Amino acid sequence: MADSFEVKLKSTPADGISAVRFCPNSTPYLLVSSWDGSVRLYDCFTNNQRLRYNHDRAVLDACFQDATHSLSGGLDGILKMCDLNSNLETILGIHQDAIRCVEYSTAVNQVFSGSWDASIKSWDPRSKACIGTHMQGDSVYTMALNEEKLVVGTAGRRTLVWDLRNMSTALQKRESSLKYQTRCIKCFPSRQGFVLSSIEGRVAVEYFDPSPEVQKKKYAFKCHRIKEGDIECCYSVNAISFHCGFNTFATGGSDGHVNIWDGFNKKRLCQYRRYPTSISSLSFSFDGSLLAIASSYMYEQGEPSSGNPEDAIYVRKVQEHEVKPK
């Protein structure tokens, strides 16, 4: 990677970027899924596309199982695994509708896929078999893992918390504290709770412990809003990513901004420059040294009159003062 604080990746997808994910134990490798039907692997240090494979339709999410295997799903409803050394693809299974989210849990060695068919399915990657179907009551829009919990955000502003060791019934069912549709959920690395964002320029900080004393700590705040004259424009908060070292988190919005927050002390630590269009996805590397930023128009305002802004991925070297609580 160049000495500059930020590089723009070469050979990026030809359509909207749905997800960027760093490898969980190897800093330079970044997985990217796109509406052009591709999943791509990049080496961010050399700015080189290492591999590409395809689905028949748009890919809505992708993640690593480990350093040599990826998982992906999208509008075709097919959950794929790819060996990144041999480029050998395997179909793990299917959903009745689009797969919106894919996660892998090292704690239980299972793959979880969330779908617009209102189900979460769990898969054994060794036997390549579905080992559980868990109905969520509505279309799955987002989900996040920590060591022992799976948090699911659905249509209708509902949030469900599941225990990965016992998926027979949801531990908690909540209504979002935000008034509008849930966009993204991510869990605190400290495992105390999760952060949830909405389409209306707000973020909520929630805690798992149901005791009234702990629930008093939860709060929500406005962000990704721009004042134009007397009118305040609210932008969707599309992406959240946690810095594992400091428990701080980045948010990316349709205003083109990336903000870094200290959720426990209720402070914004910094704001990066405005990117050319909406921020569709964010990912900190496992050691927190890099932040991948997907800048990709999400059709919030319909077809643009002057053509789509370029879809781009920027990889930024993270400075400690940007992410460390003050």
Protein backbone atom coordinates (compact mmCIF):
# COMPACT_ATOMS: atom_id res chain seq x y z
CA MET A 1 0.00 0.00 0.00
CA ALA A 2 1.25 3.50 -0.83
CA ASP A 3 2.51 5.88 1.85
CA SER A 4 -0.52 8.14 1.46
CA PHE A 5 -3.31 7.85 4.04
CA GLU A 6 -5.76 6.54 1.44
CA VAL A 7 -5.73 4.57 -1.80
CA LYS A 8 -8.48 3.86 -4.31
CA LEU A 9 -8.65 0.21 -5.35
CA LYS A 10 -8.24 -0.69 -9.03
CA SER A 11 -10.55 -3.03 -11.01
CA THR A 12 -13.60 -2.37 -8.85
CA PRO A 13 -17.09 -3.71 -9.72
CA ALA A 14 -19.11 -2.24 -12.57
CA ASP A 15 -22.26 -1.85 -10.47
CA GLY A 16 -23.27 -1.02 -6.90
CA ILE A 17 -21.02 -2.31 -4.08
CA SER A 18 -23.12 -4.15 -1.49
CA ALA A 19 -20.46 -5.19 1.03
CA VAL A 20 -16.77 -4.91 1.88
CA ARG A 21 -15.21 -7.26 4.47
CA PHE A 22 -11.65 -7.62 5.65
CA CYS A 23 -10.24 -11.06 6.36
CA PRO A 24 -10.60 -11.84 10.09
CA ASN A 25 -6.91 -12.68 10.57
CA SER A 26 -4.97 -11.26 7.62
CA THR A 27 -4.85 -7.50 7.19
CA PRO A 28 -4.45 -6.95 3.43
CA TYR A 29 -7.22 -9.20 2.07
CA LEU A 30 -10.59 -7.62 1.35
CA LEU A 31 -13.73 -9.35 0.06
CA VAL A 32 -16.16 -7.27 -2.03
CA SER A 33 -19.68 -8.19 -3.22
CA SER A 34 -21.57 -6.31 -5.89
CA TRP A 35 -24.83 -5.85 -7.76
CA ASP A 36 -22.91 -6.88 -10.91
CA GLY A 37 -23.12 -10.48 -9.60
CA SER A 38 -19.45 -10.73 -8.62
CA VAL A 39 -17.52 -11.49 -5.45
CA ARG A 40 -13.92 -10.25 -5.61
CA LEU A 41 -10.85 -10.68 -3.42
CA TYR A 42 -8.33 -7.83 -3.24
CA ASP A 43 -4.87 -7.50 -1.77
CA CYS A 44 -4.97 -3.95 -0.41
CA PHE A 45 -1.19 -3.74 0.07
CA THR A 46 -0.46 -4.34 -3.61
CA ASN A 47 -3.77 -2.85 -4.88
CA ASN A 48 -4.43 -5.99 -6.86
CA GLN A 49 -7.55 -8.09 -7.55
CA ARG A 50 -6.57 -11.64 -6.64
CA LEU A 51 -9.72 -13.55 -7.55
CA ARG A 52 -13.30 -13.22 -8.78
CA TYR A 53 -16.29 -15.55 -8.90
CA ASN A 54 -19.92 -14.92 -9.83
CA HIS A 55 -23.54 -15.52 -8.91
CA ASP A 56 -26.30 -15.46 -11.53
CA ARG A 57 -27.77 -12.31 -9.99
CA ALA A 58 -26.74 -9.44 -7.71
CA VAL A 59 -24.72 -10.42 -4.61
CA LEU A 60 -26.00 -8.67 -1.46
CA ASP A 61 -23.45 -9.88 1.09
CA ALA A 62 -20.22 -11.84 1.47
CA CYS A 63 -17.93 -12.78 4.36
CA PHE A 64 -14.89 -14.89 5.16
CA GLN A 65 -15.15 -18.28 6.86
CA ASP A 66 -11.38 -18.21 7.28
CA ALA A 67 -8.40 -16.88 5.34
CA THR A 68 -9.00 -19.32 2.44
CA HIS A 69 -12.82 -19.61 2.21
CA SER A 70 -15.53 -17.06 1.44
CA LEU A 71 -19.32 -17.24 1.73
CA SER A 72 -21.79 -15.22 -0.33
CA GLY A 73 -25.48 -14.83 -1.13
CA GLY A 74 -27.81 -12.57 -3.05
CA LEU A 75 -30.87 -12.22 -5.25
CA ASP A 76 -30.55 -15.77 -6.64
CA GLY A 77 -31.21 -17.15 -3.12
CA ILE A 78 -28.12 -19.38 -3.38
CA LEU A 79 -25.56 -19.57 -0.56
CA LYS A 80 -22.12 -20.23 -2.03
CA MET A 81 -18.78 -21.15 -0.52
CA CYS A 82 -15.58 -20.53 -2.49
CA ASP A 83 -12.10 -21.94 -1.85
CA LEU A 84 -9.97 -18.84 -2.43
CA ASN A 85 -6.86 -20.88 -3.22
CA SER A 86 -8.38 -23.09 -5.92
CA ASN A 87 -11.34 -20.84 -6.91
CA LEU A 88 -13.56 -23.92 -6.44
CA GLU A 89 -17.21 -22.99 -5.74
CA THR A 90 -19.63 -25.08 -3.69
CA ILE A 91 -23.35 -24.47 -3.18
CA LEU A 92 -24.23 -24.85 0.52
CA GLY A 93 -27.98 -24.44 -0.05
CA ILE A 94 -30.82 -22.12 -1.01
CA HIS A 95 -33.48 -19.82 0.41
CA GLN A 96 -36.95 -19.20 -1.04
CA ASP A 97 -36.09 -15.54 -1.60
CA ALA A 98 -33.00 -13.32 -1.76
CA ILE A 99 -30.22 -13.82 0.79
CA ARG A 100 -29.59 -10.42 2.34
CA CYS A 101 -26.95 -11.28 5.01
CA VAL A 102 -24.24 -13.88 5.51
CA GLU A 103 -22.16 -14.43 8.68
CA TYR A 104 -19.80 -17.12 9.95
CA SER A 105 -19.42 -17.95 13.67
CA THR A 106 -16.12 -19.44 14.80
CA ALA A 107 -17.69 -20.11 18.23
CA VAL A 108 -20.13 -22.73 16.88
CA ASN A 109 -18.47 -23.33 13.46
CA GLN A 110 -21.68 -22.51 11.61
CA VAL A 111 -22.68 -20.29 8.70
CA PHE A 112 -25.79 -18.12 9.14
CA SER A 113 -27.76 -16.72 6.21
CA GLY A 114 -30.60 -14.21 6.58
CA SER A 115 -33.20 -13.85 3.85
CA TRP A 116 -36.13 -11.83 2.60
CA ASP A 117 -38.06 -15.13 3.01
CA ALA A 118 -38.20 -14.16 6.75
CA SER A 119 -35.84 -16.93 7.87
CA ILE A 120 -32.35 -17.37 9.24
CA LYS A 121 -30.76 -20.67 8.24
CA SER A 122 -27.75 -22.23 9.95
CA TRP A 123 -25.36 -24.43 7.97
CA ASP A 124 -22.57 -26.86 8.76
CA PRO A 125 -19.75 -25.93 6.35
CA ARG A 126 -18.11 -29.36 6.71
CA SER A 127 -21.14 -31.51 5.82
CA LYS A 128 -22.59 -28.68 3.65
CA ALA A 129 -26.00 -29.27 5.21
CA CYS A 130 -28.69 -26.99 6.63
CA ILE A 131 -28.95 -27.75 10.35
CA GLY A 132 -31.65 -25.26 11.30
CA THR A 133 -34.30 -22.88 9.93
CA HIS A 134 -35.38 -20.12 12.32
CA MET A 135 -38.34 -17.93 11.36
CA GLN A 136 -37.95 -14.21 12.12
CA GLY A 137 -41.50 -13.05 11.46
CA ASP A 138 -40.52 -10.68 8.64
CA SER A 139 -37.87 -10.10 5.96
CA VAL A 140 -34.32 -10.02 7.30
CA TYR A 141 -32.57 -6.73 6.49
CA THR A 142 -29.41 -6.96 8.60
CA MET A 143 -27.71 -9.17 11.18
CA ALA A 144 -24.60 -9.23 13.35
CA LEU A 145 -22.67 -11.72 15.47
CA ASN A 146 -20.69 -11.63 18.65
CA GLU A 147 -19.20 -14.68 20.42
CA GLU A 148 -22.48 -16.10 21.67
CA LYS A 149 -25.27 -13.99 20.19
CA LEU A 150 -26.84 -13.33 16.79
CA VAL A 151 -28.73 -10.04 16.44
CA VAL A 152 -31.24 -9.76 13.57
CA GLY A 153 -32.94 -6.63 12.24
CA THR A 154 -36.10 -7.21 10.22
CA ALA A 155 -38.74 -5.24 8.34
CA GLY A 156 -41.26 -3.66 10.67
CA ARG A 157 -38.43 -2.23 12.86
CA ARG A 158 -38.08 -5.42 14.88
CA THR A 159 -34.85 -6.68 16.47
CA LEU A 160 -34.38 -10.29 17.59
CA VAL A 161 -31.51 -11.54 19.76
CA TRP A 162 -30.61 -15.25 19.51
CA ASP A 163 -28.30 -17.44 21.59
CA LEU A 164 -26.01 -19.28 19.14
CA ARG A 165 -25.78 -22.26 21.52
CA ASN A 166 -29.56 -22.68 21.68
CA MET A 167 -31.47 -21.42 18.65
CA SER A 168 -34.79 -23.02 19.65
CA THR A 169 -36.32 -19.63 20.45
CA ALA A 170 -35.22 -15.98 20.42
CA LEU A 171 -33.73 -14.69 23.69
CA GLN A 172 -35.20 -11.23 23.16
CA LYS A 173 -37.63 -9.58 20.75
CA ARG A 174 -37.54 -5.81 20.66
CA GLU A 175 -39.04 -2.98 18.68
CA SER A 176 -36.42 -0.57 17.42
CA SER A 177 -36.11 2.62 19.45
CA LEU A 178 -35.74 4.43 16.09
CA LYS A 179 -38.92 5.48 14.27
CA TYR A 180 -37.87 4.45 10.77
CA GLN A 181 -36.65 1.36 8.93
CA THR A 182 -33.55 -0.39 10.31
CA ARG A 183 -30.57 -0.24 7.96
CA CYS A 184 -27.63 -1.83 9.77
CA ILE A 185 -26.75 -3.58 13.06
CA LYS A 186 -23.30 -4.33 14.47
CA CYS A 187 -22.31 -5.76 17.89
CA PHE A 188 -19.83 -4.13 20.29
CA PRO A 189 -16.59 -6.17 20.46
CA SER A 190 -16.97 -5.92 24.26
CA ARG A 191 -20.20 -7.99 23.86
CA GLN A 192 -22.26 -5.60 26.01
CA GLY A 193 -24.67 -4.62 23.28
CA PHE A 194 -25.09 -3.44 19.70
CA VAL A 195 -25.44 -0.37 17.53
CA LEU A 196 -28.39 0.02 15.17
CA SER A 197 -28.90 2.59 12.41
CA SER A 198 -31.92 3.75 10.42
CA ILE A 199 -32.79 5.37 7.10
CA GLU A 200 -33.54 8.65 8.89
CA GLY A 201 -30.07 9.76 10.01
CA ARG A 202 -30.10 8.23 13.49
CA VAL A 203 -28.09 5.67 15.42
CA ALA A 204 -29.14 3.83 18.59
CA VAL A 205 -26.81 2.28 21.17
CA GLU A 206 -28.51 -0.72 22.81
CA TYR A 207 -27.52 -3.12 25.61
CA PHE A 208 -28.29 -6.85 25.94
CA ASP A 209 -28.78 -6.91 29.72
CA PRO A 210 -32.55 -6.47 30.22
CA SER A 211 -32.26 -5.07 33.77
CA PRO A 212 -33.80 -1.58 34.13
CA GLU A 213 -30.50 -0.24 35.47
CA VAL A 214 -28.60 -1.20 32.30
CA GLN A 215 -31.46 -0.31 29.93
CA LYS A 216 -31.31 3.26 31.30
CA LYS A 217 -27.95 3.61 29.54
CA LYS A 218 -29.32 3.08 26.03
CA TYR A 219 -29.66 6.18 23.87
CA ALA A 220 -30.00 7.37 20.28
CA PHE A 221 -28.46 10.29 18.44
CA LYS A 222 -28.82 12.18 15.16
CA CYS A 223 -26.09 12.00 12.53
CA HIS A 224 -25.51 12.14 8.76
CA ARG A 225 -27.66 15.23 8.37
CA ILE A 226 -26.86 18.29 6.29
CA LYS A 227 -28.53 21.67 6.69
CA GLU A 228 -29.40 23.35 3.40
CA GLY A 229 -30.81 26.79 4.21
CA ASP A 230 -33.66 26.27 6.64
CA ILE A 231 -34.09 22.62 5.70
CA GLU A 232 -32.26 19.78 7.41
CA CYS A 233 -31.75 16.82 5.06
CA CYS A 234 -31.65 13.44 6.82
CA TYR A 235 -29.58 10.74 5.15
CA SER A 236 -29.72 6.99 5.64
CA VAL A 237 -26.98 5.49 7.84
CA ASN A 238 -26.08 2.47 5.70
CA ALA A 239 -22.96 1.06 7.31
CA ILE A 240 -21.38 0.50 10.72
CA SER A 241 -18.01 -1.06 11.56
CA PHE A 242 -16.30 -1.45 14.94
CA HIS A 243 -12.65 -0.87 15.74
CA CYS A 244 -11.85 -3.93 17.85
CA GLY A 245 -8.99 -2.29 19.73
CA PHE A 246 -10.91 0.68 21.13
CA ASN A 247 -14.62 -0.33 20.95
CA THR A 248 -15.24 2.80 18.87
CA PHE A 249 -17.16 2.59 15.60
CA ALA A 250 -17.45 4.16 12.17
CA THR A 251 -20.73 5.01 10.44
CA GLY A 252 -21.22 5.67 6.74
CA GLY A 253 -24.21 7.51 5.31
CA SER A 254 -25.91 8.46 2.08
CA ASP A 255 -24.51 11.96 2.64
CA GLY A 256 -21.10 10.57 1.57
CA HIS A 257 -19.56 11.06 5.03
CA VAL A 258 -17.77 8.64 7.35
CA ASN A 259 -17.87 9.51 11.06
CA ILE A 260 -16.01 7.84 13.95
CA TRP A 261 -17.84 7.62 17.29
CA ASP A 262 -17.05 6.82 20.90
CA GLY A 263 -20.37 5.20 21.83
CA PHE A 264 -19.70 4.90 25.57
CA ASN A 265 -18.76 8.56 26.00
CA LYS A 266 -21.29 9.81 23.44
CA LYS A 267 -18.75 11.69 21.34
CA ARG A 268 -17.86 12.05 17.69
CA LEU A 269 -14.10 11.56 17.40
CA CYS A 270 -13.64 12.61 13.78
CA GLN A 271 -15.23 13.01 10.37
CA TYR A 272 -13.45 12.08 7.14
CA ARG A 273 -13.69 14.04 3.93
CA ARG A 274 -16.94 13.80 1.97
CA TYR A 275 -16.80 10.95 -0.57
CA PRO A 276 -18.27 11.26 -4.09
CA THR A 277 -21.55 9.47 -3.27
CA SER A 278 -23.32 7.29 -0.67
CA ILE A 279 -21.28 5.10 1.69
CA SER A 280 -22.75 1.62 1.17
CA SER A 281 -20.38 -0.43 3.35
CA LEU A 282 -17.48 -0.10 5.80
CA SER A 283 -14.97 -2.55 7.27
CA PHE A 284 -12.10 -2.13 9.72
CA SER A 285 -9.27 -4.65 9.33
CA PHE A 286 -8.92 -7.10 12.23
CA ASP A 287 -6.00 -5.14 13.71
CA GLY A 288 -7.72 -1.79 13.16
CA SER A 289 -4.95 -0.41 10.97
CA LEU A 290 -7.10 -0.03 7.82
CA LEU A 291 -10.66 1.03 7.02
CA ALA A 292 -12.29 -0.01 3.73
CA ILE A 293 -14.89 2.48 2.48
CA ALA A 294 -17.34 1.61 -0.32
CA SER A 295 -18.62 4.72 -2.10
CA SER A 296 -21.57 3.58 -4.22
CA TYR A 297 -24.82 5.30 -5.20
CA MET A 298 -27.82 3.48 -3.65
CA TYR A 299 -30.61 5.10 -5.70
CA GLU A 300 -31.99 6.99 -2.68
CA GLN A 301 -33.12 9.75 -5.06
CA GLY A 302 -33.92 7.59 -8.09
CA GLU A 303 -32.05 7.70 -11.39
CA PRO A 304 -29.53 10.56 -11.35
CA SER A 305 -30.00 13.04 -14.19
CA SER A 306 -26.29 13.23 -15.04
CA GLY A 307 -25.42 9.52 -14.86
CA ASN A 308 -24.35 7.42 -11.89
CA PRO A 309 -21.34 8.50 -9.83
CA GLU A 310 -18.47 6.01 -10.10
CA ASP A 311 -18.57 3.01 -7.74
CA ALA A 312 -15.31 3.05 -5.80
CA ILE A 313 -13.55 1.46 -2.83
CA TYR A 314 -11.11 3.49 -0.76
CA VAL A 315 -8.74 1.90 1.76
CA ARG A 316 -7.62 4.30 4.45
CA LYS A 317 -4.75 3.99 6.91
CA VAL A 318 -6.29 4.59 10.32
CA GLN A 319 -4.55 7.04 12.64
CA GLU A 320 -4.81 6.29 16.36
CA HIS A 321 -6.10 9.76 17.24
CA GLU A 322 -9.07 9.17 14.89
CA VAL A 323 -10.34 6.07 16.72
CA LYS A 324 -9.00 6.24 20.30
CA PRO A 325 -11.42 7.58 22.96
CA LYS A 326 -10.28 10.96 24.24
